Protein backbone atom coordinates (compact mmCIF):
# COMPACT_ATOMS: atom_id res chain seq x y z
CA MET A 1 -4.51 86.01 -28.11
CA PRO A 2 -4.56 83.86 -31.24
CA VAL A 3 -1.54 81.55 -30.98
CA LEU A 4 -0.51 82.11 -34.60
CA GLY A 5 0.29 85.70 -35.49
CA PHE A 6 1.08 87.33 -38.84
CA GLY A 7 4.34 89.28 -38.82
CA THR A 8 4.84 92.52 -40.74
CA GLY A 9 8.51 93.22 -40.11
CA SER A 10 10.63 93.24 -43.27
CA ASP A 11 13.38 95.11 -45.06
CA ARG A 12 11.91 98.44 -46.16
CA VAL A 13 11.96 98.96 -49.92
CA GLU A 14 9.99 101.12 -52.32
CA GLY A 15 6.39 99.93 -52.47
CA SER A 16 6.56 98.13 -49.11
CA ASP A 17 3.40 99.76 -47.77
CA LEU A 18 1.22 98.55 -50.64
CA VAL A 19 2.73 95.07 -50.50
CA THR A 20 2.16 94.89 -46.75
CA LYS A 21 -1.42 96.13 -47.06
CA GLN A 22 -2.29 93.56 -49.71
CA ALA A 23 -0.60 90.77 -47.73
CA VAL A 24 -2.56 91.67 -44.57
CA LEU A 25 -5.83 91.69 -46.52
CA GLU A 26 -5.02 88.26 -47.93
CA ALA A 27 -4.10 87.05 -44.44
CA ILE A 28 -7.45 88.22 -43.05
CA LYS A 29 -9.24 86.42 -45.90
CA LEU A 30 -7.36 83.23 -45.01
CA GLY A 31 -8.27 83.51 -41.33
CA TYR A 32 -5.37 85.24 -39.59
CA ARG A 33 -6.59 87.42 -36.73
CA HIS A 34 -3.38 88.28 -34.85
CA PHE A 35 -1.10 90.89 -36.48
CA ASP A 36 2.31 91.91 -35.16
CA THR A 37 3.92 95.25 -35.97
CA ALA A 38 6.26 97.82 -34.37
CA SER A 39 7.12 101.46 -34.76
CA LEU A 40 10.53 100.39 -36.05
CA TYR A 41 9.06 98.25 -38.83
CA GLY A 42 7.33 101.15 -40.54
CA SER A 43 4.36 98.87 -41.21
CA GLU A 44 1.83 100.33 -38.77
CA ALA A 45 0.18 102.64 -41.32
CA ALA A 46 -0.16 99.89 -43.94
CA LEU A 47 -1.64 97.54 -41.35
CA GLY A 48 -4.10 100.23 -40.28
CA GLU A 49 -5.17 100.83 -43.87
CA ALA A 50 -5.66 97.11 -44.40
CA ILE A 51 -7.88 96.89 -41.31
CA ILE A 52 -10.04 99.76 -42.58
CA GLU A 53 -10.39 98.10 -45.98
CA ALA A 54 -11.12 94.70 -44.41
CA LEU A 55 -13.97 96.29 -42.48
CA SER A 56 -15.33 98.02 -45.59
CA LEU A 57 -15.19 94.76 -47.56
CA GLY A 58 -16.94 92.83 -44.79
CA LEU A 59 -13.97 90.51 -44.23
CA ILE A 60 -14.39 91.25 -40.53
CA LYS A 61 -17.35 92.77 -38.76
CA SER A 62 -15.46 94.79 -36.16
CA ARG A 63 -11.96 95.71 -35.04
CA ASN A 64 -12.57 93.55 -31.96
CA GLU A 65 -12.11 90.44 -34.09
CA LEU A 66 -8.42 91.28 -34.46
CA PHE A 67 -5.53 91.12 -32.02
CA ILE A 68 -2.97 93.85 -32.73
CA THR A 69 0.51 94.00 -31.21
CA SER A 70 3.00 96.85 -31.55
CA LYS A 71 6.25 97.77 -29.83
CA LEU A 72 8.04 100.67 -28.16
CA TRP A 73 11.27 101.51 -29.98
CA SER A 74 14.49 102.32 -28.14
CA THR A 75 14.53 106.02 -29.06
CA HIS A 76 11.37 106.29 -26.95
CA GLY A 77 12.52 104.04 -24.12
CA TYR A 78 12.16 106.83 -21.55
CA ALA A 79 9.32 107.15 -19.05
CA ASP A 80 8.03 110.45 -20.43
CA LEU A 81 8.01 109.19 -24.04
CA VAL A 82 6.26 105.82 -23.60
CA LEU A 83 2.67 107.07 -23.73
CA PRO A 84 3.33 109.56 -26.57
CA ALA A 85 5.00 106.77 -28.55
CA LEU A 86 2.00 104.50 -28.06
CA LYS A 87 -0.36 107.30 -29.12
CA THR A 88 1.71 107.78 -32.28
CA SER A 89 1.43 104.06 -33.03
CA LEU A 90 -2.33 104.26 -32.56
CA GLN A 91 -2.49 107.25 -34.93
CA ASN A 92 -0.50 105.30 -37.52
CA LEU A 93 -2.78 102.30 -37.11
CA LYS A 94 -5.92 104.43 -36.93
CA LEU A 95 -6.99 102.49 -33.85
CA ASP A 96 -8.28 103.48 -30.41
CA TYR A 97 -6.33 100.80 -28.55
CA LEU A 98 -3.81 97.98 -28.93
CA ASP A 99 -4.30 94.48 -27.64
CA LEU A 100 -0.63 94.18 -26.67
CA TYR A 101 2.20 96.71 -26.37
CA LEU A 102 5.77 95.49 -25.91
CA ILE A 103 9.13 97.04 -24.99
CA HIS A 104 11.03 96.13 -28.16
CA TRP A 105 14.54 95.96 -26.63
CA PRO A 106 15.88 96.51 -23.09
CA ILE A 107 18.19 99.34 -24.15
CA CYS A 108 17.82 103.01 -25.07
CA LEU A 109 19.05 105.01 -28.02
CA LYS A 110 19.41 108.78 -28.01
CA LYS A 111 16.16 110.33 -26.83
CA ARG A 112 13.91 111.29 -29.71
CA SER A 113 10.43 112.71 -29.24
CA GLU A 114 9.42 112.39 -32.91
CA GLY A 115 10.13 109.84 -35.61
CA VAL A 116 12.06 106.59 -35.35
CA SER A 117 15.84 106.38 -35.64
CA ARG A 118 17.25 103.10 -36.93
CA ASP A 119 20.85 104.06 -36.21
CA ARG A 120 21.80 101.60 -33.49
CA ALA A 121 25.55 101.94 -33.74
CA TYR A 122 25.97 104.96 -31.49
CA ASP A 123 24.42 106.73 -28.51
CA LEU A 124 23.52 103.64 -26.51
CA PHE A 125 22.14 104.16 -23.00
CA PRO A 126 20.85 101.91 -20.22
CA MET A 127 17.08 101.71 -19.91
CA ASP A 128 15.57 102.63 -16.56
CA LEU A 129 13.41 99.53 -16.46
CA SER A 130 11.49 100.59 -13.36
CA SER A 131 10.26 103.95 -14.68
CA VAL A 132 9.68 102.70 -18.22
CA TRP A 133 7.66 99.75 -16.97
CA ALA A 134 5.61 102.05 -14.74
CA ALA A 135 4.83 104.11 -17.85
CA MET A 136 3.86 100.92 -19.70
CA GLU A 137 1.50 100.12 -16.82
CA ASP A 138 -0.06 103.57 -17.19
CA CYS A 139 -0.69 102.82 -20.87
CA GLN A 140 -2.75 99.82 -19.81
CA ARG A 141 -4.53 101.65 -16.99
CA PHE A 142 -5.54 104.45 -19.34
CA GLY A 143 -7.01 101.94 -21.80
CA PHE A 144 -4.63 102.56 -24.69
CA THR A 145 -3.55 98.91 -24.62
CA LYS A 146 -5.27 95.88 -23.15
CA SER A 147 -2.02 94.25 -22.06
CA ILE A 148 1.71 94.89 -21.90
CA GLY A 149 4.82 92.81 -22.31
CA LEU A 150 8.43 92.50 -23.36
CA SER A 151 10.57 91.53 -26.33
CA ASN A 152 14.16 90.30 -26.42
CA PHE A 153 14.37 90.10 -22.62
CA THR A 154 16.57 87.50 -20.93
CA CYS A 155 15.68 85.62 -17.74
CA LYS A 156 17.58 88.20 -15.67
CA LYS A 157 15.93 91.17 -17.34
CA VAL A 158 12.47 89.61 -17.04
CA ALA A 159 13.20 89.07 -13.34
CA ASP A 160 14.22 92.73 -13.03
CA ILE A 161 10.83 93.75 -14.46
CA LEU A 162 8.95 91.35 -12.19
CA SER A 163 10.71 92.80 -9.14
CA VAL A 164 9.17 96.25 -9.77
CA ALA A 165 5.96 95.43 -11.64
CA LYS A 166 2.52 96.17 -10.29
CA ILE A 167 1.10 94.78 -13.54
CA PRO A 168 3.31 91.89 -14.66
CA PRO A 169 4.17 91.36 -18.33
CA VAL A 170 1.99 88.80 -20.09
CA VAL A 171 4.30 88.07 -23.04
CA ASN A 172 8.01 87.95 -23.84
CA GLN A 173 8.48 87.90 -27.62
CA VAL A 174 11.85 86.40 -28.53
CA GLU A 175 13.67 84.56 -31.27
CA MET A 176 12.76 80.87 -30.99
CA ASN A 177 13.00 77.96 -33.40
CA PRO A 178 14.33 74.36 -33.41
CA LEU A 179 17.90 75.65 -33.78
CA TRP A 180 17.50 78.19 -30.94
CA GLN A 181 15.11 76.52 -28.56
CA GLN A 182 15.28 78.89 -25.57
CA LYS A 183 14.60 76.10 -23.06
CA LYS A 184 15.85 78.03 -20.02
CA LEU A 185 13.93 81.19 -20.92
CA LYS A 186 10.80 79.21 -21.80
CA ASP A 187 10.78 77.44 -18.43
CA PHE A 188 11.46 80.68 -16.55
CA CYS A 189 8.73 82.64 -18.32
CA HIS A 190 6.15 79.88 -18.08
CA GLY A 191 6.98 79.46 -14.40
CA ASN A 192 6.13 83.13 -13.90
CA GLY A 193 2.93 83.10 -15.92
CA ILE A 194 4.48 84.79 -18.97
CA LEU A 195 3.74 83.49 -22.45
CA LEU A 196 6.74 83.09 -24.72
CA SER A 197 6.01 84.34 -28.23
CA ALA A 198 8.34 83.08 -30.96
CA PHE A 199 9.56 85.35 -33.73
CA SER A 200 11.79 84.06 -36.55
CA PRO A 201 10.35 80.55 -36.06
CA LEU A 202 11.71 79.69 -39.53
CA GLY A 203 15.03 81.51 -39.09
CA ALA A 204 13.88 84.75 -40.79
CA VAL A 205 14.84 83.31 -44.16
CA GLY A 206 14.76 85.92 -46.91
CA THR A 207 15.58 88.90 -44.69
CA SER A 208 18.84 90.79 -44.25
CA TRP A 209 19.12 89.57 -40.66
CA GLY A 210 18.04 85.94 -41.14
CA SER A 211 19.49 82.80 -42.71
CA ASN A 212 18.52 79.48 -44.30
CA ARG A 213 19.96 77.35 -41.52
CA VAL A 214 16.59 76.35 -40.04
CA MET A 215 14.94 75.58 -43.36
CA ASP A 216 18.05 73.68 -44.54
CA CYS A 217 18.32 71.48 -41.43
CA GLU A 218 18.42 67.88 -42.67
CA LEU A 219 16.59 66.44 -39.65
CA LEU A 220 13.72 68.88 -40.10
CA LYS A 221 13.58 68.00 -43.78
CA GLU A 222 13.40 64.28 -42.92
CA ILE A 223 10.59 64.77 -40.40
CA ALA A 224 8.67 66.95 -42.84
CA LYS A 225 9.00 64.37 -45.63
CA PHE A 226 7.89 61.53 -43.36
CA LYS A 227 4.81 63.45 -42.20
CA GLY A 228 3.91 64.90 -45.59
CA LYS A 229 4.34 68.43 -44.28
CA THR A 230 6.60 71.37 -45.12
CA VAL A 231 9.65 72.19 -43.02
CA ALA A 232 7.91 75.45 -42.08
CA GLN A 233 4.87 73.54 -40.80
CA VAL A 234 7.08 71.27 -38.71
CA CYS A 235 8.85 74.27 -37.15
CA LEU A 236 5.59 76.09 -36.41
CA ARG A 237 3.98 72.98 -34.94
CA TRP A 238 7.07 72.39 -32.78
CA ALA A 239 6.88 75.93 -31.34
CA TYR A 240 3.13 75.52 -30.74
CA GLU A 241 3.71 72.26 -28.88
CA GLN A 242 6.33 74.03 -26.76
CA GLY A 243 3.52 76.23 -25.43
CA ALA A 244 4.59 79.33 -27.33
CA SER A 245 2.59 81.61 -29.55
CA VAL A 246 4.17 82.06 -32.96
CA ILE A 247 4.73 85.11 -35.17
CA VAL A 248 5.33 84.00 -38.75
CA LYS A 249 5.83 86.24 -41.76
CA SER A 250 5.25 85.28 -45.36
CA PHE A 251 3.63 87.43 -48.01
CA ASN A 252 3.26 84.42 -50.35
CA ALA A 253 -0.42 83.41 -50.43
CA GLU A 254 0.21 79.66 -50.65
CA ARG A 255 2.74 79.66 -47.81
CA MET A 256 0.43 81.88 -45.75
CA LYS A 257 -2.25 79.21 -46.14
CA GLN A 258 0.16 76.38 -45.34
CA ASN A 259 1.36 78.14 -42.19
CA LEU A 260 -2.18 78.04 -40.81
CA GLU A 261 -2.44 74.29 -41.34
CA ILE A 262 -0.65 73.17 -38.18
CA PHE A 263 -3.49 72.47 -35.76
CA ASP A 264 -5.00 69.17 -36.95
CA TRP A 265 -1.90 66.99 -36.53
CA SER A 266 0.96 66.61 -34.06
CA LEU A 267 4.59 65.59 -33.77
CA SER A 268 5.25 62.21 -32.24
CA GLU A 269 7.11 61.88 -28.95
CA ASP A 270 10.11 60.43 -30.81
CA GLU A 271 10.10 63.31 -33.32
CA VAL A 272 10.09 65.87 -30.53
CA LYS A 273 12.98 64.06 -28.81
CA LEU A 274 14.96 64.10 -32.05
CA MET A 275 14.33 67.82 -32.46
CA ASP A 276 15.38 68.41 -28.85
CA GLN A 277 18.73 66.83 -29.69
CA ILE A 278 19.50 68.61 -32.96
CA GLN A 279 23.27 68.46 -33.30
CA ILE A 280 23.70 71.75 -35.13
CA PRO A 281 24.98 74.15 -32.43
CA GLN A 282 22.15 76.00 -30.74
CA SER A 283 22.75 79.69 -31.39
CA ARG A 284 20.95 82.95 -31.96
CA GLY A 285 20.29 84.15 -35.46
CA ILE A 286 19.86 87.73 -34.22
CA ARG A 287 22.84 88.53 -31.99
CA ALA A 288 22.25 92.32 -31.91
CA GLU A 289 25.90 93.34 -32.13
CA ASP A 290 24.76 96.91 -32.79
CA PHE A 291 23.66 97.15 -29.16
CA VAL A 292 27.16 96.29 -27.92
CA SER A 293 29.71 99.08 -27.50
CA GLY A 294 32.66 99.94 -25.32
CA ASP A 295 30.87 103.21 -24.57
CA GLY A 296 27.42 101.70 -23.98
CA PRO A 297 25.72 99.82 -21.13
CA TYR A 298 26.60 96.44 -22.68
CA LYS A 299 30.30 95.97 -23.48
CA THR A 300 29.93 92.40 -24.77
CA LEU A 301 27.26 90.09 -26.17
CA GLU A 302 27.59 88.09 -22.94
CA GLU A 303 26.45 91.16 -21.01
CA LEU A 304 23.62 92.02 -23.43
CA TRP A 305 22.21 88.50 -23.29
CA ASP A 306 23.23 87.77 -19.67
CA GLY A 307 25.08 84.69 -20.83
CA GLU A 308 22.12 83.35 -22.81
CA ILE A 309 23.91 83.16 -26.16
């Protein structure tokens, strides 16, 4: 799996599909080969169209040059809906298989056999992790995905999966950046042979769910200035040096190019120590309050995140 992935999750607005398609084509031209999507994002079709066009233009010679990740949404987090949901994603992408399929969140919404509901405020149900993971394993056995994994899973929930898995997860994709370093989860996952994959490595600036707090961090600005790099490059290099893969999203061509330029330099030991001790309180940017309800399986954020908040 290429360690730097191109994210396609964004706020959906009119014209998003065309913008996403053009951004993916530009990313392929620049050298990106790992693309991250999800049924929830609504970007699978645009990504699939971009892949077809990239092949027709000769930007890539075969689909095998790309690594494609998608995710199971919570309306389909039921054993009998996992494989149909994956097949729908493949139809959207116009692909025969995924390289990686993830459980997007460890919670279920009201069962829905068709379409994707984004209403997370009501009808919350516990996920039967054992049966859903068994269905994920079937997806891999049947050849519809080369590997399977998790997203937004805590140490406890990863351990719950490992206790029943015949095929263990290879990835746990979670929020991770210098202001939410996930040290406990990183050590746990790495100790169990699971790669941590960082989303929102720049704080998801520019989205409805993100903020500027990572990009505005004064220490990160100082390190970037000293090294002649951008703050984004410092954050991406930091995550890479933590042993994580990184999913970064920018549709700006110059920033897309800059985000790739993190592999021919390194942070010094002192710089890493300073970043480890950032005084701004470590906290999640995405708290997922919509998954907390007095009527649902998680009554508090403490319960949802198993204390990892």
